[in-house]
């Protein structure tokens, strides 16, 4: 009997729809975050693409901000 090895491919670049699903927000919210500069994105043609590392960075920034605000209250 042999062990099965499963390879999970991590996604490096997301569409707005995929990123919105990942962050559990609607695409409209994501467009707002991009347009106000809160979230980095590259516009390729008429569509935005978001790097996974930028999504993780955004999550970490929000987490730090929430922790900071929690300690001040």
PDB file of N, CA and C in Angstrom:
ATOM      1  N   UNK A   1       0.837  -1.172   0.000  1.00  0.00           N
ATOM      2  CA  UNK A   1       0.000   0.000   0.000  1.00  0.00           C
ATOM      3  C   UNK A   1       0.893   1.250   0.000  1.00  0.00           C
ATOM      4  N   UNK A   2       0.633   2.166  -0.880  1.00  0.00           N
ATOM      5  CA  UNK A   2       1.444   3.376  -0.924  1.00  0.00           C
ATOM      6  C   UNK A   2       0.659   4.576  -0.396  1.00  0.00           C
ATOM      7  N   UNK A   3       1.397   5.492   0.199  1.00  0.00           N
ATOM      8  CA  UNK A   3       0.771   6.728   0.681  1.00  0.00           C
ATOM      9  C   UNK A   3       0.484   7.635  -0.501  1.00  0.00           C
ATOM     10  N   UNK A   4      -0.665   8.251  -0.483  1.00  0.00           N
ATOM     11  CA  UNK A   4      -0.996   9.210  -1.534  1.00  0.00           C
ATOM     12  C   UNK A   4      -0.520  10.585  -1.109  1.00  0.00           C
ATOM     13  N   UNK A   5       0.034  11.294  -2.043  1.00  0.00           N
ATOM     14  CA  UNK A   5       0.503  12.657  -1.780  1.00  0.00           C
ATOM     15  C   UNK A   5      -0.413  13.606  -2.534  1.00  0.00           C
ATOM     16  N   UNK A   6      -0.980  14.539  -1.790  1.00  0.00           N
ATOM     17  CA  UNK A   6      -1.855  15.526  -2.398  1.00  0.00           C
ATOM     18  C   UNK A   6      -1.103  16.842  -2.498  1.00  0.00           C
ATOM     19  N   UNK A   7      -1.136  17.420  -3.653  1.00  0.00           N
ATOM     20  CA  UNK A   7      -0.485  18.705  -3.866  1.00  0.00           C
ATOM     21  C   UNK A   7      -1.573  19.765  -3.979  1.00  0.00           C
ATOM     22  N   UNK A   8      -1.469  20.749  -3.134  1.00  0.00           N
ATOM     23  CA  UNK A   8      -2.415  21.858  -3.183  1.00  0.00           C
ATOM     24  C   UNK A   8      -1.697  23.039  -3.795  1.00  0.00           C
ATOM     25  N   UNK A   9      -2.232  23.528  -4.878  1.00  0.00           N
ATOM     26  CA  UNK A   9      -1.624  24.674  -5.548  1.00  0.00           C
ATOM     27  C   UNK A   9      -2.180  25.959  -4.957  1.00  0.00           C
ATOM     28  N   UNK A  10      -1.308  26.730  -4.389  1.00  0.00           N
ATOM     29  CA  UNK A  10      -1.728  28.005  -3.831  1.00  0.00           C
ATOM     30  C   UNK A  10      -1.871  29.004  -4.967  1.00  0.00           C
ATOM     31  N   UNK A  11      -2.906  29.752  -4.924  1.00  0.00           N
ATOM     32  CA  UNK A  11      -3.167  30.752  -5.949  1.00  0.00           C
ATOM     33  C   UNK A  11      -2.347  31.998  -5.632  1.00  0.00           C
ATOM     34  N   UNK A  12      -1.648  32.524  -6.637  1.00  0.00           N
ATOM     35  CA  UNK A  12      -0.825  33.711  -6.448  1.00  0.00           C
ATOM     36  C   UNK A  12      -1.550  35.000  -6.824  1.00  0.00           C
ATOM     37  N   UNK A  13      -2.470  34.909  -7.785  1.00  0.00           N
ATOM     38  CA  UNK A  13      -3.173  36.091  -8.275  1.00  0.00           C
ATOM     39  C   UNK A  13      -4.665  35.803  -8.297  1.00  0.00           C
ATOM     40  N   UNK A  14      -5.439  36.765  -7.801  1.00  0.00           N
ATOM     41  CA  UNK A  14      -6.881  36.614  -7.714  1.00  0.00           C
ATOM     42  C   UNK A  14      -7.588  37.640  -8.580  1.00  0.00           C
ATOM     43  N   UNK A  15      -8.748  37.287  -9.084  1.00  0.00           N
ATOM     44  CA  UNK A  15      -9.644  38.261  -9.700  1.00  0.00           C
ATOM     45  C   UNK A  15     -10.380  38.962  -8.557  1.00  0.00           C
ATOM     46  N   UNK A  16     -11.105  40.013  -8.866  1.00  0.00           N
ATOM     47  CA  UNK A  16     -11.876  40.709  -7.836  1.00  0.00           C
ATOM     48  C   UNK A  16     -12.905  39.751  -7.219  1.00  0.00           C
ATOM     49  N   UNK A  17     -13.570  38.986  -8.052  1.00  0.00           N
ATOM     50  CA  UNK A  17     -14.578  38.049  -7.547  1.00  0.00           C
ATOM     51  C   UNK A  17     -13.956  37.021  -6.603  1.00  0.00           C
ATOM     52  N   UNK A  18     -12.822  36.455  -6.992  1.00  0.00           N
ATOM     53  CA  UNK A  18     -12.145  35.456  -6.154  1.00  0.00           C
ATOM     54  C   UNK A  18     -11.659  36.072  -4.845  1.00  0.00           C
ATOM     55  N   UNK A  19     -11.077  37.273  -4.937  1.00  0.00           N
ATOM     56  CA  UNK A  19     -10.585  37.945  -3.737  1.00  0.00           C
ATOM     57  C   UNK A  19     -11.730  38.302  -2.801  1.00  0.00           C
ATOM     58  N   UNK A  20     -12.851  38.733  -3.361  1.00  0.00           N
ATOM     59  CA  UNK A  20     -14.021  39.064  -2.543  1.00  0.00           C
ATOM     60  C   UNK A  20     -14.518  37.821  -1.807  1.00  0.00           C
ATOM     61  N   UNK A  21     -14.544  36.696  -2.495  1.00  0.00           N
ATOM     62  CA  UNK A  21     -14.951  35.443  -1.852  1.00  0.00           C
ATOM     63  C   UNK A  21     -13.969  35.069  -0.743  1.00  0.00           C
ATOM     64  N   UNK A  22     -12.692  35.234  -1.007  1.00  0.00           N
ATOM     65  CA  UNK A  22     -11.647  34.920  -0.022  1.00  0.00           C
ATOM     66  C   UNK A  22     -11.794  35.782   1.235  1.00  0.00           C
ATOM     67  N   UNK A  23     -12.092  37.084   1.036  1.00  0.00           N
ATOM     68  CA  UNK A  23     -12.231  38.011   2.158  1.00  0.00           C
ATOM     69  C   UNK A  23     -13.648  38.030   2.733  1.00  0.00           C
ATOM     70  N   UNK A  24     -14.540  37.285   2.132  1.00  0.00           N
ATOM     71  CA  UNK A  24     -15.962  37.228   2.486  1.00  0.00           C
ATOM     72  C   UNK A  24     -16.608  38.619   2.497  1.00  0.00           C
ATOM     73  N   UNK A  25     -16.377  39.343   1.424  1.00  0.00           N
ATOM     74  CA  UNK A  25     -17.030  40.635   1.196  1.00  0.00           C
ATOM     75  C   UNK A  25     -17.595  40.612  -0.223  1.00  0.00           C
ATOM     76  N   UNK A  26     -18.453  41.564  -0.533  1.00  0.00           N
ATOM     77  CA  UNK A  26     -18.979  41.601  -1.898  1.00  0.00           C
ATOM     78  C   UNK A  26     -17.968  42.310  -2.806  1.00  0.00           C
ATOM     79  N   UNK A  27     -17.986  42.006  -4.094  1.00  0.00           N
ATOM     80  CA  UNK A  27     -17.049  42.632  -5.028  1.00  0.00           C
ATOM     81  C   UNK A  27     -17.102  44.160  -4.993  1.00  0.00           C
ATOM     82  N   UNK A  28     -18.281  44.727  -4.763  1.00  0.00           N
ATOM     83  CA  UNK A  28     -18.421  46.186  -4.691  1.00  0.00           C
ATOM     84  C   UNK A  28     -17.559  46.763  -3.562  1.00  0.00           C
ATOM     85  N   UNK A  29     -17.540  46.079  -2.431  1.00  0.00           N
ATOM     86  CA  UNK A  29     -16.697  46.499  -1.302  1.00  0.00           C
ATOM     87  C   UNK A  29     -15.229  46.434  -1.686  1.00  0.00           C
ATOM     88  N   UNK A  30     -14.853  45.389  -2.390  1.00  0.00           N
ATOM     89  CA  UNK A  30     -13.464  45.231  -2.814  1.00  0.00           C
ATOM     90  C   UNK A  30     -13.053  46.342  -3.773  1.00  0.00           C
ATOM     91  N   UNK A  31     -13.930  46.672  -4.724  1.00  0.00           N
ATOM     92  CA  UNK A  31     -13.635  47.791  -5.638  1.00  0.00           C
ATOM     93  C   UNK A  31     -13.424  49.083  -4.846  1.00  0.00           C
ATOM     94  N   UNK A  32     -14.235  49.300  -3.826  1.00  0.00           N
ATOM     95  CA  UNK A  32     -14.086  50.496  -2.996  1.00  0.00           C
ATOM     96  C   UNK A  32     -12.727  50.505  -2.285  1.00  0.00           C
ATOM     97  N   UNK A  33     -12.333  49.369  -1.733  1.00  0.00           N
ATOM     98  CA  UNK A  33     -11.041  49.270  -1.044  1.00  0.00           C
ATOM     99  C   UNK A  33      -9.882  49.539  -2.001  1.00  0.00           C
ATOM    100  N   UNK A  34     -10.013  49.079  -3.231  1.00  0.00           N
ATOM    101  CA  UNK A  34      -8.974  49.298  -4.246  1.00  0.00           C
ATOM    102  C   UNK A  34      -8.923  50.765  -4.637  1.00  0.00           C
ATOM    103  N   UNK A  35     -10.090  51.345  -4.913  1.00  0.00           N
ATOM    104  CA  UNK A  35     -10.147  52.724  -5.394  1.00  0.00           C
ATOM    105  C   UNK A  35      -9.727  53.746  -4.346  1.00  0.00           C
ATOM    106  N   UNK A  36      -9.950  53.444  -3.065  1.00  0.00           N
ATOM    107  CA  UNK A  36      -9.529  54.383  -2.020  1.00  0.00           C
ATOM    108  C   UNK A  36      -8.091  54.112  -1.563  1.00  0.00           C
ATOM    109  N   UNK A  37      -7.438  53.104  -2.138  1.00  0.00           N
ATOM    110  CA  UNK A  37      -6.032  52.845  -1.848  1.00  0.00           C
ATOM    111  C   UNK A  37      -5.769  51.968  -0.638  1.00  0.00           C
ATOM    112  N   UNK A  38      -6.804  51.411  -0.047  1.00  0.00           N
ATOM    113  CA  UNK A  38      -6.614  50.538   1.117  1.00  0.00           C
ATOM    114  C   UNK A  38      -6.061  49.178   0.739  1.00  0.00           C
ATOM    115  N   UNK A  39      -6.329  48.768  -0.495  1.00  0.00           N
ATOM    116  CA  UNK A  39      -5.918  47.451  -0.958  1.00  0.00           C
ATOM    117  C   UNK A  39      -5.215  47.596  -2.302  1.00  0.00           C
ATOM    118  N   UNK A  40      -4.035  47.010  -2.399  1.00  0.00           N
ATOM    119  CA  UNK A  40      -3.261  47.093  -3.644  1.00  0.00           C
ATOM    120  C   UNK A  40      -3.858  46.179  -4.709  1.00  0.00           C
ATOM    121  N   UNK A  41      -3.858  46.672  -5.952  1.00  0.00           N
ATOM    122  CA  UNK A  41      -4.322  45.871  -7.073  1.00  0.00           C
ATOM    123  C   UNK A  41      -3.692  46.418  -8.341  1.00  0.00           C
ATOM    124  N   UNK A  42      -3.523  45.548  -9.317  1.00  0.00           N
ATOM    125  CA  UNK A  42      -3.015  45.965 -10.627  1.00  0.00           C
ATOM    126  C   UNK A  42      -4.166  45.913 -11.611  1.00  0.00           C
ATOM    127  N   UNK A  43      -4.298  46.958 -12.400  1.00  0.00           N
ATOM    128  CA  UNK A  43      -5.339  46.961 -13.418  1.00  0.00           C
ATOM    129  C   UNK A  43      -4.715  46.475 -14.714  1.00  0.00           C
ATOM    130  N   UNK A  44      -5.215  45.374 -15.204  1.00  0.00           N
ATOM    131  CA  UNK A  44      -4.722  44.785 -16.445  1.00  0.00           C
ATOM    132  C   UNK A  44      -5.885  44.834 -17.428  1.00  0.00           C
ATOM    133  N   UNK A  45      -5.739  45.670 -18.430  1.00  0.00           N
ATOM    134  CA  UNK A  45      -6.864  45.918 -19.324  1.00  0.00           C
ATOM    135  C   UNK A  45      -7.938  46.645 -18.548  1.00  0.00           C
ATOM    136  N   UNK A  46      -9.120  46.074 -18.496  1.00  0.00           N
ATOM    137  CA  UNK A  46     -10.211  46.704 -17.749  1.00  0.00           C
ATOM    138  C   UNK A  46     -10.488  45.995 -16.421  1.00  0.00           C
ATOM    139  N   UNK A  47      -9.628  45.040 -16.068  1.00  0.00           N
ATOM    140  CA  UNK A  47      -9.873  44.248 -14.857  1.00  0.00           C
ATOM    141  C   UNK A  47      -8.739  44.374 -13.849  1.00  0.00           C
ATOM    142  N   UNK A  48      -9.115  44.319 -12.592  1.00  0.00           N
ATOM    143  CA  UNK A  48      -8.137  44.345 -11.516  1.00  0.00           C
ATOM    144  C   UNK A  48      -7.681  42.927 -11.194  1.00  0.00           C
ATOM    145  N   UNK A  49      -6.415  42.808 -10.843  1.00  0.00           N
ATOM    146  CA  UNK A  49      -5.845  41.554 -10.348  1.00  0.00           C
ATOM    147  C   UNK A  49      -5.182  41.859  -9.011  1.00  0.00           C
ATOM    148  N   UNK A  50      -5.342  40.955  -8.074  1.00  0.00           N
ATOM    149  CA  UNK A  50      -4.810  41.151  -6.730  1.00  0.00           C
ATOM    150  C   UNK A  50      -3.870  40.014  -6.379  1.00  0.00           C
ATOM    151  N   UNK A  51      -2.710  40.353  -5.833  1.00  0.00           N
ATOM    152  CA  UNK A  51      -1.745  39.334  -5.436  1.00  0.00           C
ATOM    153  C   UNK A  51      -2.133  38.774  -4.071  1.00  0.00           C
ATOM    154  N   UNK A  52      -1.938  37.475  -3.905  1.00  0.00           N
ATOM    155  CA  UNK A  52      -2.259  36.816  -2.642  1.00  0.00           C
ATOM    156  C   UNK A  52      -1.529  37.477  -1.481  1.00  0.00           C
ATOM    157  N   UNK A  53      -0.270  37.835  -1.687  1.00  0.00           N
ATOM    158  CA  UNK A  53       0.499  38.452  -0.599  1.00  0.00           C
ATOM    159  C   UNK A  53      -0.086  39.804  -0.192  1.00  0.00           C
ATOM    160  N   UNK A  54      -0.692  40.528  -1.129  1.00  0.00           N
ATOM    161  CA  UNK A  54      -1.327  41.802  -0.790  1.00  0.00           C
ATOM    162  C   UNK A  54      -2.612  41.586   0.005  1.00  0.00           C
ATOM    163  N   UNK A  55      -3.339  40.514  -0.303  1.00  0.00           N
ATOM    164  CA  UNK A  55      -4.539  40.191   0.470  1.00  0.00           C
ATOM    165  C   UNK A  55      -4.157  39.824   1.902  1.00  0.00           C
ATOM    166  N   UNK A  56      -3.109  39.037   2.051  1.00  0.00           N
ATOM    167  CA  UNK A  56      -2.644  38.642   3.383  1.00  0.00           C
ATOM    168  C   UNK A  56      -2.158  39.856   4.150  1.00  0.00           C
ATOM    169  N   UNK A  57      -1.439  40.745   3.481  1.00  0.00           N
ATOM    170  CA  UNK A  57      -0.965  41.976   4.107  1.00  0.00           C
ATOM    171  C   UNK A  57      -2.145  42.823   4.581  1.00  0.00           C
ATOM    172  N   UNK A  58      -3.169  42.947   3.758  1.00  0.00           N
ATOM    173  CA  UNK A  58      -4.362  43.712   4.117  1.00  0.00           C
ATOM    174  C   UNK A  58      -5.026  43.113   5.364  1.00  0.00           C
ATOM    175  N   UNK A  59      -5.164  41.791   5.387  1.00  0.00           N
ATOM    176  CA  UNK A  59      -5.763  41.121   6.542  1.00  0.00           C
ATOM    177  C   UNK A  59      -4.941  41.390   7.797  1.00  0.00           C
ATOM    178  N   UNK A  60      -3.626  41.284   7.695  1.00  0.00           N
ATOM    179  CA  UNK A  60      -2.758  41.523   8.849  1.00  0.00           C
ATOM    180  C   UNK A  60      -2.837  42.963   9.336  1.00  0.00           C
ATOM    181  N   UNK A  61      -2.917  43.917   8.413  1.00  0.00           N
ATOM    182  CA  UNK A  61      -3.058  45.325   8.798  1.00  0.00           C
ATOM    183  C   UNK A  61      -4.364  45.553   9.552  1.00  0.00           C
ATOM    184  N   UNK A  62      -5.440  44.963   9.059  1.00  0.00           N
ATOM    185  CA  UNK A  62      -6.740  45.093   9.727  1.00  0.00           C
ATOM    186  C   UNK A  62      -6.697  44.456  11.110  1.00  0.00           C
ATOM    187  N   UNK A  63      -6.047  43.312  11.206  1.00  0.00           N
ATOM    188  CA  UNK A  63      -5.933  42.611  12.479  1.00  0.00           C
ATOM    189  C   UNK A  63      -5.176  43.463  13.498  1.00  0.00           C
ATOM    190  N   UNK A  64      -4.042  44.044  13.066  1.00  0.00           N
ATOM    191  CA  UNK A  64      -3.247  44.900  13.949  1.00  0.00           C
ATOM    192  C   UNK A  64      -4.035  46.132  14.373  1.00  0.00           C
ATOM    193  N   UNK A  65      -4.765  46.731  13.426  1.00  0.00           N
ATOM    194  CA  UNK A  65      -5.560  47.920  13.735  1.00  0.00           C
ATOM    195  C   UNK A  65      -6.644  47.578  14.754  1.00  0.00           C
ATOM    196  N   UNK A  66      -7.312  46.450  14.567  1.00  0.00           N
ATOM    197  CA  UNK A  66      -8.361  46.031  15.498  1.00  0.00           C
ATOM    198  C   UNK A  66      -7.801  45.757  16.890  1.00  0.00           C
ATOM    199  N   UNK A  67      -6.624  45.136  16.956  1.00  0.00           N
ATOM    200  CA  UNK A  67      -5.995  44.865  18.247  1.00  0.00           C
ATOM    201  C   UNK A  67      -5.593  46.167  18.932  1.00  0.00           C
ATOM    202  N   UNK A  68      -5.070  47.109  18.161  1.00  0.00           N
ATOM    203  CA  UNK A  68      -4.662  48.398  18.700  1.00  0.00           C
ATOM    204  C   UNK A  68      -5.879  49.142  19.266  1.00  0.00           C
ATOM    205  N   UNK A  69      -6.972  49.159  18.511  1.00  0.00           N
ATOM    206  CA  UNK A  69      -8.188  49.836  18.960  1.00  0.00           C
ATOM    207  C   UNK A  69      -8.784  49.154  20.185  1.00  0.00           C
ATOM    208  N   UNK A  70      -8.651  47.833  20.255  1.00  0.00           N
ATOM    209  CA  UNK A  70      -9.180  47.083  21.391  1.00  0.00           C
ATOM    210  C   UNK A  70      -8.421  47.444  22.673  1.00  0.00           C
ATOM    211  N   UNK A  71      -7.103  47.621  22.555  1.00  0.00           N
ATOM    212  CA  UNK A  71      -6.279  47.949  23.720  1.00  0.00           C
ATOM    213  C   UNK A  71      -6.506  49.377  24.204  1.00  0.00           C
ATOM    214  N   UNK A  72      -6.946  50.259  23.301  1.00  0.00           N
ATOM    215  CA  UNK A  72      -7.172  51.659  23.673  1.00  0.00           C
ATOM    216  C   UNK A  72      -8.533  51.867  24.343  1.00  0.00           C
ATOM    217  N   UNK A  73      -9.462  50.900  24.166  1.00  0.00           N
ATOM    218  CA  UNK A  73     -10.782  51.102  24.761  1.00  0.00           C
ATOM    219  C   UNK A  73     -10.855  50.638  26.192  1.00  0.00           C
TER     220      UNK A  73
END
